[in-house]
Amino acid sequence: MRAWQKQHPRVHFHFTPTYSSWLNQVEIGLGLITRDCIRRGIFRSAADLMHKIMNFIRLYNRNAQPFRCTYSNPRKRIRVSLSSVTRH
């Protein structure tokens, strides 16, 4: 991997925090679009919807800030006892 990365200096790897997943980040992004762009919107066509979403993304990216992971103590992670799990 390091050799490949040396050959591709413009590529930067971004790792998700422990106990996180890229799906969580996608869910946050889609939630922002839904809340701030789509909900209660009026769209005349699919093309109009796409145009408004792309405008929202461009505007958002101008002032985007990284999300901060606040999970700091792996010992406090949620644990589920087997007796509390519903069996089907």
Protein backbone atom coordinates (compact mmCIF):
# COMPACT_ATOMS: atom_id res chain seq x y z
CA MET A 1 0.00 0.00 0.00
CA ARG A 2 2.79 2.43 0.86
CA ALA A 3 4.51 1.82 -2.48
CA TRP A 4 1.24 2.44 -4.33
CA GLN A 5 0.65 5.60 -2.32
CA LYS A 6 4.12 6.91 -3.23
CA GLN A 7 3.23 6.45 -6.89
CA HIS A 8 -0.04 8.36 -6.35
CA PRO A 9 0.89 11.39 -4.21
CA ARG A 10 -2.44 13.14 -4.81
CA VAL A 11 -4.38 10.35 -3.10
CA HIS A 12 -5.06 10.86 0.61
CA PHE A 13 -6.50 8.17 2.84
CA HIS A 14 -9.11 9.13 5.42
CA PHE A 15 -9.88 6.53 8.04
CA THR A 16 -13.13 6.37 9.96
CA PRO A 17 -12.88 6.42 13.75
CA THR A 18 -12.98 3.17 15.71
CA TYR A 19 -16.57 1.97 16.23
CA SER A 20 -17.71 4.02 13.27
CA SER A 21 -18.58 3.14 9.75
CA TRP A 22 -18.64 4.92 6.42
CA LEU A 23 -22.38 4.25 6.40
CA ASN A 24 -22.78 6.52 9.43
CA GLN A 25 -21.13 9.33 7.51
CA VAL A 26 -23.32 8.71 4.46
CA GLU A 27 -26.39 8.75 6.71
CA ILE A 28 -25.35 12.12 8.17
CA GLY A 29 -24.84 13.58 4.68
CA LEU A 30 -28.17 12.31 3.38
CA GLY A 31 -29.88 13.57 6.53
CA LEU A 32 -28.50 17.06 5.92
CA ILE A 33 -29.73 17.03 2.32
CA THR A 34 -33.15 15.75 3.40
CA ARG A 35 -33.56 18.25 6.24
CA ASP A 36 -32.15 21.35 4.58
CA CYS A 37 -32.96 20.82 0.91
CA ILE A 38 -35.68 18.27 0.16
CA ARG A 39 -38.15 18.44 3.05
CA ARG A 40 -41.06 20.78 2.31
CA GLY A 41 -39.55 21.55 -1.09
CA ILE A 42 -41.52 21.95 -4.28
CA PHE A 43 -39.97 20.34 -7.32
CA ARG A 44 -41.40 20.56 -10.83
CA SER A 45 -39.46 17.55 -12.15
CA ALA A 46 -36.73 15.07 -11.31
CA ALA A 47 -34.27 17.36 -13.11
CA ASP A 48 -35.40 20.27 -10.90
CA LEU A 49 -34.87 18.14 -7.78
CA MET A 50 -31.39 17.11 -8.98
CA HIS A 51 -30.50 20.74 -9.75
CA LYS A 52 -31.56 21.92 -6.26
CA ILE A 53 -29.66 19.09 -4.55
CA MET A 54 -26.48 19.87 -6.52
CA ASN A 55 -26.82 23.58 -5.68
CA PHE A 56 -27.22 22.67 -2.00
CA ILE A 57 -24.10 20.45 -2.12
CA ARG A 58 -22.03 23.19 -3.79
CA LEU A 59 -23.14 25.76 -1.21
CA TYR A 60 -22.54 23.35 1.67
CA ASN A 61 -19.04 22.48 0.41
CA ARG A 62 -17.99 26.14 0.38
CA ASN A 63 -18.20 26.25 4.19
CA ALA A 64 -17.87 22.57 5.07
CA GLN A 65 -16.20 21.61 8.32
CA PRO A 66 -15.07 18.09 9.26
CA PHE A 67 -17.32 16.13 11.57
CA ARG A 68 -15.75 15.48 14.94
CA CYS A 69 -16.05 12.07 16.52
CA THR A 70 -16.89 12.49 20.21
CA TYR A 71 -16.62 8.81 21.12
CA SER A 72 -13.56 8.62 23.33
CA ASN A 73 -13.79 5.67 25.71
CA PRO A 74 -14.15 2.15 24.23
CA ARG A 75 -14.89 0.76 27.72
CA LYS A 76 -18.19 2.67 27.74
CA ARG A 77 -19.51 1.13 24.55
CA ILE A 78 -23.03 -0.22 24.61
CA ARG A 79 -23.23 -3.86 25.60
CA VAL A 80 -26.25 -6.07 25.09
CA SER A 81 -26.83 -9.09 27.28
CA LEU A 82 -27.96 -12.25 25.49
CA SER A 83 -31.01 -12.50 27.79
CA SER A 84 -32.34 -9.16 26.49
CA VAL A 85 -32.20 -10.20 22.82
CA THR A 86 -35.53 -11.29 21.35
CA ARG A 87 -35.40 -14.71 19.79
CA HIS A 88 -37.49 -15.35 16.66
